[in-house]
Amino acid sequence: AQSEVARAYLSQLPGRDLLRQEIAQLSDYTSI
């Protein structure tokens, strides 16, 4: 039930898709 509340709340926050794109770019590297 807490998970459902969190998902519903987070879905109303603007910019999540933009942040996902930003994260994909920041994480786009290879490390060894």
Full PDB file with SEQRES, HELIX, SHEET, SSBOND, CRYST1, ORIGX, SCALE, CONECT and MASTER records, all heavy atoms in Angstrom:
SEQRES   1 A   32  ALA GLN SER GLU VAL ALA ARG ALA TYR LEU SER GLN LEU          
SEQRES   2 A   32  PRO GLY ARG ASP LEU LEU ARG GLN GLU ILE ALA GLN LEU          
SEQRES   3 A   32  SER ASP TYR THR SER ILE                                      
HELIX    1 AA1 GLN A    2  LEU A   10  1                                   9    
HELIX    2 AA2 ARG A   16  LEU A   26  1                                  11    
CRYST1    1.000    1.000    1.000  90.00  90.00  90.00 P 1           1          
ORIGX1      1.000000  0.000000  0.000000        0.00000                         
ORIGX2      0.000000  1.000000  0.000000        0.00000                         
ORIGX3      0.000000  0.000000  1.000000        0.00000                         
SCALE1      1.000000  0.000000  0.000000        0.00000                         
SCALE2      0.000000  1.000000  0.000000        0.00000                         
SCALE3      0.000000  0.000000  1.000000        0.00000                         
ATOM      1  N   ALA A   1       0.830  -1.208   0.000  1.00  0.00           N  
ATOM      2  CA  ALA A   1       0.000   0.000   0.000  1.00  0.00           C  
ATOM      3  C   ALA A   1       0.867   1.262   0.000  1.00  0.00           C  
ATOM      4  O   ALA A   1       0.568   2.238  -0.700  1.00  0.00           O  
ATOM      5  CB  ALA A   1      -0.927  -0.005   1.211  1.00  0.00           C  
ATOM      6  N   GLN A   2       1.944   1.258   0.779  1.00  0.00           N  
ATOM      7  CA  GLN A   2       2.858   2.405   0.774  1.00  0.00           C  
ATOM      8  C   GLN A   2       3.508   2.577  -0.600  1.00  0.00           C  
ATOM      9  O   GLN A   2       3.734   3.703  -1.067  1.00  0.00           O  
ATOM     10  CB  GLN A   2       3.942   2.225   1.843  1.00  0.00           C  
ATOM     11  CG  GLN A   2       3.447   2.287   3.274  1.00  0.00           C  
ATOM     12  CD  GLN A   2       3.095   3.710   3.729  1.00  0.00           C  
ATOM     13  OE1 GLN A   2       3.301   4.674   3.008  1.00  0.00           O  
ATOM     14  NE2 GLN A   2       2.542   3.819   4.928  1.00  0.00           N  
ATOM     15  N   SER A   3       3.800   1.464  -1.252  1.00  0.00           N  
ATOM     16  CA  SER A   3       4.384   1.522  -2.596  1.00  0.00           C  
ATOM     17  C   SER A   3       3.419   2.164  -3.586  1.00  0.00           C  
ATOM     18  O   SER A   3       3.821   2.969  -4.442  1.00  0.00           O  
ATOM     19  CB  SER A   3       4.763   0.108  -3.061  1.00  0.00           C  
ATOM     20  OG  SER A   3       5.336   0.137  -4.346  1.00  0.00           O  
ATOM     21  N   GLU A   4       2.142   1.840  -3.468  1.00  0.00           N  
ATOM     22  CA  GLU A   4       1.136   2.439  -4.354  1.00  0.00           C  
ATOM     23  C   GLU A   4       1.038   3.946  -4.124  1.00  0.00           C  
ATOM     24  O   GLU A   4       0.941   4.726  -5.078  1.00  0.00           O  
ATOM     25  CB  GLU A   4      -0.227   1.779  -4.122  1.00  0.00           C  
ATOM     26  CG  GLU A   4      -0.316   0.356  -4.629  1.00  0.00           C  
ATOM     27  CD  GLU A   4      -1.698  -0.234  -4.413  1.00  0.00           C  
ATOM     28  OE1 GLU A   4      -2.622   0.535  -4.041  1.00  0.00           O  
ATOM     29  OE2 GLU A   4      -1.859  -1.451  -4.599  1.00  0.00           O  
ATOM     30  N   VAL A   5       1.092   4.358  -2.862  1.00  0.00           N  
ATOM     31  CA  VAL A   5       1.053   5.791  -2.548  1.00  0.00           C  
ATOM     32  C   VAL A   5       2.268   6.490  -3.152  1.00  0.00           C  
ATOM     33  O   VAL A   5       2.155   7.566  -3.759  1.00  0.00           O  
ATOM     34  CB  VAL A   5       1.014   6.000  -1.022  1.00  0.00           C  
ATOM     35  CG1 VAL A   5       1.234   7.471  -0.668  1.00  0.00           C  
ATOM     36  CG2 VAL A   5      -0.316   5.518  -0.452  1.00  0.00           C  
ATOM     37  N   ALA A   6       3.444   5.873  -2.993  1.00  0.00           N  
ATOM     38  CA  ALA A   6       4.669   6.479  -3.525  1.00  0.00           C  
ATOM     39  C   ALA A   6       4.605   6.601  -5.038  1.00  0.00           C  
ATOM     40  O   ALA A   6       4.947   7.659  -5.601  1.00  0.00           O  
ATOM     41  CB  ALA A   6       5.884   5.647  -3.104  1.00  0.00           C  
ATOM     42  N   ARG A   7       4.176   5.541  -5.702  1.00  0.00           N  
ATOM     43  CA  ARG A   7       4.116   5.573  -7.172  1.00  0.00           C  
ATOM     44  C   ARG A   7       3.130   6.634  -7.647  1.00  0.00           C  
ATOM     45  O   ARG A   7       3.402   7.368  -8.610  1.00  0.00           O  
ATOM     46  CB  ARG A   7       3.729   4.203  -7.722  1.00  0.00           C  
ATOM     47  CG  ARG A   7       4.848   3.174  -7.662  1.00  0.00           C  
ATOM     48  CD  ARG A   7       4.572   2.005  -8.592  1.00  0.00           C  
ATOM     49  NE  ARG A   7       3.319   1.342  -8.267  1.00  0.00           N  
ATOM     50  CZ  ARG A   7       3.217   0.315  -7.438  1.00  0.00           C  
ATOM     51  NH1 ARG A   7       4.298  -0.146  -6.827  1.00  0.00           N  
ATOM     52  NH2 ARG A   7       2.053  -0.252  -7.199  1.00  0.00           N  
ATOM     53  N   ALA A   8       1.976   6.719  -6.980  1.00  0.00           N  
ATOM     54  CA  ALA A   8       0.974   7.706  -7.372  1.00  0.00           C  
ATOM     55  C   ALA A   8       1.503   9.124  -7.174  1.00  0.00           C  
ATOM     56  O   ALA A   8       1.290  10.010  -8.006  1.00  0.00           O  
ATOM     57  CB  ALA A   8      -0.311   7.491  -6.577  1.00  0.00           C  
ATOM     58  N   TYR A   9       2.199   9.348  -6.067  1.00  0.00           N  
ATOM     59  CA  TYR A   9       2.733  10.684  -5.786  1.00  0.00           C  
ATOM     60  C   TYR A   9       3.826  11.046  -6.791  1.00  0.00           C  
ATOM     61  O   TYR A   9       3.822  12.142  -7.367  1.00  0.00           O  
ATOM     62  CB  TYR A   9       3.280  10.737  -4.364  1.00  0.00           C  
ATOM     63  CG  TYR A   9       3.647  12.138  -3.927  1.00  0.00           C  
ATOM     64  CD1 TYR A   9       2.713  12.959  -3.316  1.00  0.00           C  
ATOM     65  CD2 TYR A   9       4.922  12.649  -4.155  1.00  0.00           C  
ATOM     66  CE1 TYR A   9       3.038  14.253  -2.928  1.00  0.00           C  
ATOM     67  CE2 TYR A   9       5.254  13.938  -3.776  1.00  0.00           C  
ATOM     68  CZ  TYR A   9       4.309  14.734  -3.167  1.00  0.00           C  
ATOM     69  OH  TYR A   9       4.632  16.015  -2.797  1.00  0.00           O  
ATOM     70  N   LEU A  10       4.763  10.127  -7.004  1.00  0.00           N  
ATOM     71  CA  LEU A  10       5.882  10.405  -7.900  1.00  0.00           C  
ATOM     72  C   LEU A  10       5.418  10.637  -9.333  1.00  0.00           C  
ATOM     73  O   LEU A  10       6.037  11.410 -10.080  1.00  0.00           O  
ATOM     74  CB  LEU A  10       6.889   9.252  -7.845  1.00  0.00           C  
ATOM     75  CG  LEU A  10       7.637   9.089  -6.513  1.00  0.00           C  
ATOM     76  CD1 LEU A  10       8.386   7.766  -6.478  1.00  0.00           C  
ATOM     77  CD2 LEU A  10       8.601  10.249  -6.300  1.00  0.00           C  
ATOM     78  N   SER A  11       4.324   9.986  -9.728  1.00  0.00           N  
ATOM     79  CA  SER A  11       3.831  10.142 -11.102  1.00  0.00           C  
ATOM     80  C   SER A  11       3.345  11.555 -11.383  1.00  0.00           C  
ATOM     81  O   SER A  11       3.233  11.966 -12.542  1.00  0.00           O  
ATOM     82  CB  SER A  11       2.701   9.147 -11.367  1.00  0.00           C  
ATOM     83  OG  SER A  11       1.543   9.475 -10.604  1.00  0.00           O  
ATOM     84  N   GLN A  12       3.078  12.315 -10.330  1.00  0.00           N  
ATOM     85  CA  GLN A  12       2.592  13.688 -10.505  1.00  0.00           C  
ATOM     86  C   GLN A  12       3.719  14.725 -10.514  1.00  0.00           C  
ATOM     87  O   GLN A  12       3.466  15.911 -10.727  1.00  0.00           O  
ATOM     88  CB  GLN A  12       1.605  14.029  -9.384  1.00  0.00           C  
ATOM     89  CG  GLN A  12       0.384  13.116  -9.354  1.00  0.00           C  
ATOM     90  CD  GLN A  12      -0.551  13.455  -8.202  1.00  0.00           C  
ATOM     91  OE1 GLN A  12      -1.162  14.533  -8.178  1.00  0.00           O  
ATOM     92  NE2 GLN A  12      -0.652  12.554  -7.234  1.00  0.00           N  
ATOM     93  N   LEU A  13       4.947  14.270 -10.264  1.00  0.00           N  
ATOM     94  CA  LEU A  13       6.067  15.204 -10.245  1.00  0.00           C  
ATOM     95  C   LEU A  13       6.549  15.469 -11.665  1.00  0.00           C  
ATOM     96  O   LEU A  13       6.779  14.526 -12.431  1.00  0.00           O  
ATOM     97  CB  LEU A  13       7.218  14.640  -9.406  1.00  0.00           C  
ATOM     98  CG  LEU A  13       6.916  14.389  -7.927  1.00  0.00           C  
ATOM     99  CD1 LEU A  13       8.128  13.777  -7.238  1.00  0.00           C  
ATOM    100  CD2 LEU A  13       6.511  15.693  -7.228  1.00  0.00           C  
ATOM    101  N   PRO A  14       6.740  16.727 -12.039  1.00  0.00           N  
ATOM    102  CA  PRO A  14       7.197  17.038 -13.392  1.00  0.00           C  
ATOM    103  C   PRO A  14       8.682  16.736 -13.561  1.00  0.00           C  
ATOM    104  O   PRO A  14       9.457  16.770 -12.611  1.00  0.00           O  
ATOM    105  CB  PRO A  14       6.944  18.543 -13.501  1.00  0.00           C  
ATOM    106  CG  PRO A  14       7.041  19.049 -12.097  1.00  0.00           C  
ATOM    107  CD  PRO A  14       6.509  17.947 -11.232  1.00  0.00           C  
ATOM    108  N   GLY A  15       9.066  16.391 -14.780  1.00  0.00           N  
ATOM    109  CA  GLY A  15      10.474  16.281 -15.129  1.00  0.00           C  
ATOM    110  C   GLY A  15      11.103  14.926 -14.931  1.00  0.00           C  
ATOM    111  O   GLY A  15      12.313  14.769 -15.159  1.00  0.00           O  
ATOM    112  N   ARG A  16      10.335  13.906 -14.547  1.00  0.00           N  
ATOM    113  CA  ARG A  16      10.961  12.599 -14.320  1.00  0.00           C  
ATOM    114  C   ARG A  16      11.545  12.020 -15.597  1.00  0.00           C  
ATOM    115  O   ARG A  16      12.642  11.451 -15.587  1.00  0.00           O  
ATOM    116  CB  ARG A  16       9.944  11.620 -13.729  1.00  0.00           C  
ATOM    117  CG  ARG A  16       9.584  11.931 -12.280  1.00  0.00           C  
ATOM    118  CD  ARG A  16       8.390  11.113 -11.840  1.00  0.00           C  
ATOM    119  NE  ARG A  16       8.720   9.741 -11.548  1.00  0.00           N  
ATOM    120  CZ  ARG A  16       7.874   8.717 -11.660  1.00  0.00           C  
ATOM    121  NH1 ARG A  16       6.648   8.927 -12.098  1.00  0.00           N  
ATOM    122  NH2 ARG A  16       8.242   7.504 -11.353  1.00  0.00           N  
ATOM    123  N   ASP A  17      10.840  12.194 -16.707  1.00  0.00           N  
ATOM    124  CA  ASP A  17      11.362  11.669 -17.980  1.00  0.00           C  
ATOM    125  C   ASP A  17      12.637  12.407 -18.391  1.00  0.00           C  
ATOM    126  O   ASP A  17      13.587  11.790 -18.898  1.00  0.00           O  
ATOM    127  CB  ASP A  17      10.306  11.793 -19.080  1.00  0.00           C  
ATOM    128  CG  ASP A  17       9.154  10.815 -18.883  1.00  0.00           C  
ATOM    129  OD1 ASP A  17       9.358   9.808 -18.170  1.00  0.00           O  
ATOM    130  OD2 ASP A  17       8.060  11.063 -19.425  1.00  0.00           O  
ATOM    131  N   LEU A  18      12.659  13.713 -18.159  1.00  0.00           N  
ATOM    132  CA  LEU A  18      13.872  14.473 -18.475  1.00  0.00           C  
ATOM    133  C   LEU A  18      15.039  14.019 -17.602  1.00  0.00           C  
ATOM    134  O   LEU A  18      16.180  13.912 -18.072  1.00  0.00           O  
ATOM    135  CB  LEU A  18      13.621  15.971 -18.273  1.00  0.00           C  
ATOM    136  CG  LEU A  18      12.697  16.659 -19.281  1.00  0.00           C  
ATOM    137  CD1 LEU A  18      12.442  18.104 -18.869  1.00  0.00           C  
ATOM    138  CD2 LEU A  18      13.311  16.615 -20.683  1.00  0.00           C  
ATOM    139  N   LEU A  19      14.754  13.745 -16.338  1.00  0.00           N  
ATOM    140  CA  LEU A  19      15.808  13.276 -15.449  1.00  0.00           C  
ATOM    141  C   LEU A  19      16.302  11.894 -15.857  1.00  0.00           C  
ATOM    142  O   LEU A  19      17.502  11.603 -15.769  1.00  0.00           O  
ATOM    143  CB  LEU A  19      15.310  13.249 -14.007  1.00  0.00           C  
ATOM    144  CG  LEU A  19      15.134  14.621 -13.349  1.00  0.00           C  
ATOM    145  CD1 LEU A  19      14.382  14.495 -12.030  1.00  0.00           C  
ATOM    146  CD2 LEU A  19      16.495  15.276 -13.109  1.00  0.00           C  
ATOM    147  N   ARG A  20      15.409  11.030 -16.310  1.00  0.00           N  
ATOM    148  CA  ARG A  20      15.835   9.717 -16.785  1.00  0.00           C  
ATOM    149  C   ARG A  20      16.776   9.862 -17.980  1.00  0.00           C  
ATOM    150  O   ARG A  20      17.773   9.137 -18.096  1.00  0.00           O  
ATOM    151  CB  ARG A  20      14.613   8.873 -17.164  1.00  0.00           C  
ATOM    152  CG  ARG A  20      13.766   8.435 -15.978  1.00  0.00           C  
ATOM    153  CD  ARG A  20      12.718   7.427 -16.404  1.00  0.00           C  
ATOM    154  NE  ARG A  20      11.773   7.142 -15.327  1.00  0.00           N  
ATOM    155  CZ  ARG A  20      10.559   7.657 -15.235  1.00  0.00           C  
ATOM    156  NH1 ARG A  20      10.130   8.502 -16.174  1.00  0.00           N  
ATOM    157  NH2 ARG A  20       9.763   7.350 -14.233  1.00  0.00           N  
ATOM    158  N   GLN A  21      16.448  10.782 -18.879  1.00  0.00           N  
ATOM    159  CA  GLN A  21      17.322  11.015 -20.028  1.00  0.00           C  
ATOM    160  C   GLN A  21      18.680  11.544 -19.578  1.00  0.00           C  
ATOM    161  O   GLN A  21      19.731  11.136 -20.088  1.00  0.00           O  
ATOM    162  CB  GLN A  21      16.665  12.009 -20.992  1.00  0.00           C  
ATOM    163  CG  GLN A  21      15.381  11.496 -21.634  1.00  0.00           C  
ATOM    164  CD  GLN A  21      14.648  12.585 -22.413  1.00  0.00           C  
ATOM    165  OE1 GLN A  21      15.228  13.612 -22.770  1.00  0.00           O  
ATOM    166  NE2 GLN A  21      13.361  12.363 -22.665  1.00  0.00           N  
ATOM    167  N   GLU A  22      18.654  12.448 -18.608  1.00  0.00           N  
ATOM    168  CA  GLU A  22      19.897  13.006 -18.083  1.00  0.00           C  
ATOM    169  C   GLU A  22      20.745  11.910 -17.438  1.00  0.00           C  
ATOM    170  O   GLU A  22      21.963  11.845 -17.639  1.00  0.00           O  
ATOM    171  CB  GLU A  22      19.564  14.082 -17.046  1.00  0.00           C  
ATOM    172  CG  GLU A  22      20.756  14.826 -16.515  1.00  0.00           C  
ATOM    173  CD  GLU A  22      21.099  16.038 -17.356  1.00  0.00           C  
ATOM    174  OE1 GLU A  22      20.474  16.231 -18.413  1.00  0.00           O  
ATOM    175  OE2 GLU A  22      22.001  16.775 -16.961  1.00  0.00           O  
ATOM    176  N   ILE A  23      20.109  11.041 -16.667  1.00  0.00           N  
ATOM    177  CA  ILE A  23      20.823   9.946 -16.005  1.00  0.00           C  
ATOM    178  C   ILE A  23      21.421   9.000 -17.036  1.00  0.00           C  
ATOM    179  O   ILE A  23      22.559   8.535 -16.896  1.00  0.00           O  
ATOM    180  CB  ILE A  23      19.877   9.198 -15.050  1.00  0.00           C  
ATOM    181  CG1 ILE A  23      19.550  10.087 -13.844  1.00  0.00           C  
ATOM    182  CG2 ILE A  23      20.476   7.882 -14.595  1.00  0.00           C  
ATOM    183  CD1 ILE A  23      18.433   9.555 -12.977  1.00  0.00           C  
ATOM    184  N   ALA A  24      20.657   8.696 -18.086  1.00  0.00           N  
ATOM    185  CA  ALA A  24      21.172   7.818 -19.141  1.00  0.00           C  
ATOM    186  C   ALA A  24      22.436   8.400 -19.762  1.00  0.00           C  
ATOM    187  O   ALA A  24      23.389   7.673 -20.072  1.00  0.00           O  
ATOM    188  CB  ALA A  24      20.103   7.602 -20.202  1.00  0.00           C  
ATOM    189  N   GLN A  25      22.468   9.715 -19.931  1.00  0.00           N  
ATOM    190  CA  GLN A  25      23.648  10.354 -20.503  1.00  0.00           C  
ATOM    191  C   GLN A  25      24.810  10.357 -19.518  1.00  0.00           C  
ATOM    192  O   GLN A  25      25.954  10.074 -19.880  1.00  0.00           O  
ATOM    193  CB  GLN A  25      23.311  11.782 -20.925  1.00  0.00           C  
ATOM    194  CG  GLN A  25      22.341  11.863 -22.094  1.00  0.00           C  
ATOM    195  CD  GLN A  25      21.972  13.299 -22.444  1.00  0.00           C  
ATOM    196  OE1 GLN A  25      21.680  14.110 -21.561  1.00  0.00           O  
ATOM    197  NE2 GLN A  25      21.988  13.622 -23.726  1.00  0.00           N  
ATOM    198  N   LEU A  26      24.527  10.677 -18.255  1.00  0.00           N  
ATOM    199  CA  LEU A  26      25.589  10.712 -17.245  1.00  0.00           C  
ATOM    200  C   LEU A  26      26.174   9.322 -16.993  1.00  0.00           C  
ATOM    201  O   LEU A  26      27.355   9.194 -16.637  1.00  0.00           O  
ATOM    202  CB  LEU A  26      25.049  11.276 -15.929  1.00  0.00           C  
ATOM    203  CG  LEU A  26      24.821  12.783 -15.864  1.00  0.00           C  
ATOM    204  CD1 LEU A  26      24.034  13.157 -14.618  1.00  0.00           C  
ATOM    205  CD2 LEU A  26      26.153  13.537 -15.894  1.00  0.00           C  
ATOM    206  N   SER A  27      25.358   8.289 -17.160  1.00  0.00           N  
ATOM    207  CA  SER A  27      25.802   6.921 -16.893  1.00  0.00           C  
ATOM    208  C   SER A  27      26.406   6.247 -18.112  1.00  0.00           C  
ATOM    209  O   SER A  27      26.853   5.092 -18.023  1.00  0.00           O  
ATOM    210  CB  SER A  27      24.622   6.072 -16.386  1.00  0.00           C  
ATOM    211  OG  SER A  27      24.032   6.646 -15.244  1.00  0.00           O  
ATOM    212  N   ASP A  28      26.432   6.938 -19.221  1.00  0.00           N  
ATOM    213  CA  ASP A  28      26.893   6.341 -20.473  1.00  0.00           C  
ATOM    214  C   ASP A  28      28.422   6.362 -20.562  1.00  0.00           C  
ATOM    215  O   ASP A  28      29.015   7.142 -21.300  1.00  0.00           O  
ATOM    216  CB  ASP A  28      26.282   7.081 -21.661  1.00  0.00           C  
ATOM    217  CG  ASP A  28      26.565   6.374 -22.985  1.00  0.00           C  
ATOM    218  OD1 ASP A  28      26.986   5.202 -22.945  1.00  0.00           O  
ATOM    219  OD2 ASP A  28      26.381   6.996 -24.049  1.00  0.00           O  
ATOM    220  N   TYR A  29      29.054   5.526 -19.753  1.00  0.00           N  
ATOM    221  CA  TYR A  29      30.501   5.394 -19.811  1.00  0.00           C  
ATOM    222  C   TYR A  29      30.883   3.980 -19.390  1.00  0.00           C  
ATOM    223  O   TYR A  29      30.084   3.237 -18.809  1.00  0.00           O  
ATOM    224  CB  TYR A  29      31.191   6.430 -18.919  1.00  0.00           C  
ATOM    225  CG  TYR A  29      30.915   6.299 -17.448  1.00  0.00           C  
ATOM    226  CD1 TYR A  29      31.670   5.441 -16.639  1.00  0.00           C  
ATOM    227  CD2 TYR A  29      29.897   7.029 -16.844  1.00  0.00           C  
ATOM    228  CE1 TYR A  29      31.408   5.317 -15.288  1.00  0.00           C  
ATOM    229  CE2 TYR A  29      29.634   6.915 -15.492  1.00  0.00           C  
ATOM    230  CZ  TYR A  29      30.394   6.055 -14.720  1.00  0.00           C  
ATOM    231  OH  TYR A  29      30.124   5.935 -13.386  1.00  0.00           O  
ATOM    232  N   THR A  30      32.108   3.606 -19.692  1.00  0.00           N  
ATOM    233  CA  THR A  30      32.643   2.292 -19.349  1.00  0.00           C  
ATOM    234  C   THR A  30      33.705   2.452 -18.273  1.00  0.00           C  
ATOM    235  O   THR A  30      34.552   3.340 -18.349  1.00  0.00           O  
ATOM    236  CB  THR A  30      33.266   1.624 -20.589  1.00  0.00           C  
ATOM    237  OG1 THR A  30      32.260   1.467 -21.585  1.00  0.00           O  
ATOM    238  CG2 THR A  30      33.840   0.265 -20.236  1.00  0.00           C  
ATOM    239  N   SER A  31      33.655   1.620 -17.265  1.00  0.00           N  
ATOM    240  CA  SER A  31      34.675   1.645 -16.223  1.00  0.00           C  
ATOM    241  C   SER A  31      35.289   0.259 -16.085  1.00  0.00           C  
ATOM    242  O   SER A  31      34.653  -0.754 -16.402  1.00  0.00           O  
ATOM    243  CB  SER A  31      34.079   2.098 -14.887  1.00  0.00           C  
ATOM    244  OG  SER A  31      33.078   1.193 -14.452  1.00  0.00           O  
ATOM    245  N   ILE A  32      36.541   0.223 -15.626  1.00  0.00           N  
ATOM    246  CA  ILE A  32      37.221  -1.052 -15.412  1.00  0.00           C  
ATOM    247  C   ILE A  32      37.917  -1.024 -14.052  1.00  0.00           C  
ATOM    248  O   ILE A  32      38.181   0.038 -13.492  1.00  0.00           O  
ATOM    249  CB  ILE A  32      38.256  -1.360 -16.520  1.00  0.00           C  
ATOM    250  CG1 ILE A  32      39.426  -0.374 -16.445  1.00  0.00           C  
ATOM    251  CG2 ILE A  32      37.609  -1.354 -17.898  1.00  0.00           C  
ATOM    252  CD1 ILE A  32      40.604  -0.760 -17.336  1.00  0.00           C  
TER     253      ILE A  32                                                      
MASTER        0    0    0    2    0    0    0    6  252    1    0    3          
END                                                                             
